[in-house]
């Protein structure tokens, strides 16, 4: 498992307390930029790229992001209420004290992200690459992970009660380290979990 960066990127430019509501981004590039207390509610983002940026207290509520990239970025105290990400890259992202109510992610690559302790109970991930993601102690009761790549994900202490995991790659999931009561899986996944428990299928 790759070691995740925990220190925030160094920034050279700061965007402070600015109203970006209903703003439209199309292909812009931001590097080493700190966004502090910026309101991005209902922002529309198509193809913008943020590299080594820091987002602190940013409101992404009801924003839409399509084919955009947030690479090696840090998110602290950000809100993602009803935000949608479609075919986006958030590789290497670190999320701390963020909220994700009604977050909807479809497609894209969220590999190597750190979401320890995140409350994802009302979030939906569909066909998302979440390879080597840190979901330690994450609250995933009822979360949908549909047809996602969850290989090498760290699940220790996560609560997956009634989560929908159908079609997802669960290699590396240790059933003894998580809560799986009522989780939905398909027959192939049942074999994977049985094998992880040391059972023999006869």
Foldseek 3Di string as FASTA:
>chain_A
DDDADDDQFAADEEDECEECDCPEAAQAEAERYEYELYEHAQYEYEAYEYYSYEYENYECANYEHEQYEDYLYEYEQYEHHLYEYEQYEDDRYEYYNYAQANYEYEHHEHESYEQDQYECCRYEYAQYEHEQYEHHLHEHAQYEDHLYEHHNYHHANYENHLYENENYDPHPDQPVRYHHHNYHYDPVVVVNNCVSVVHDDD
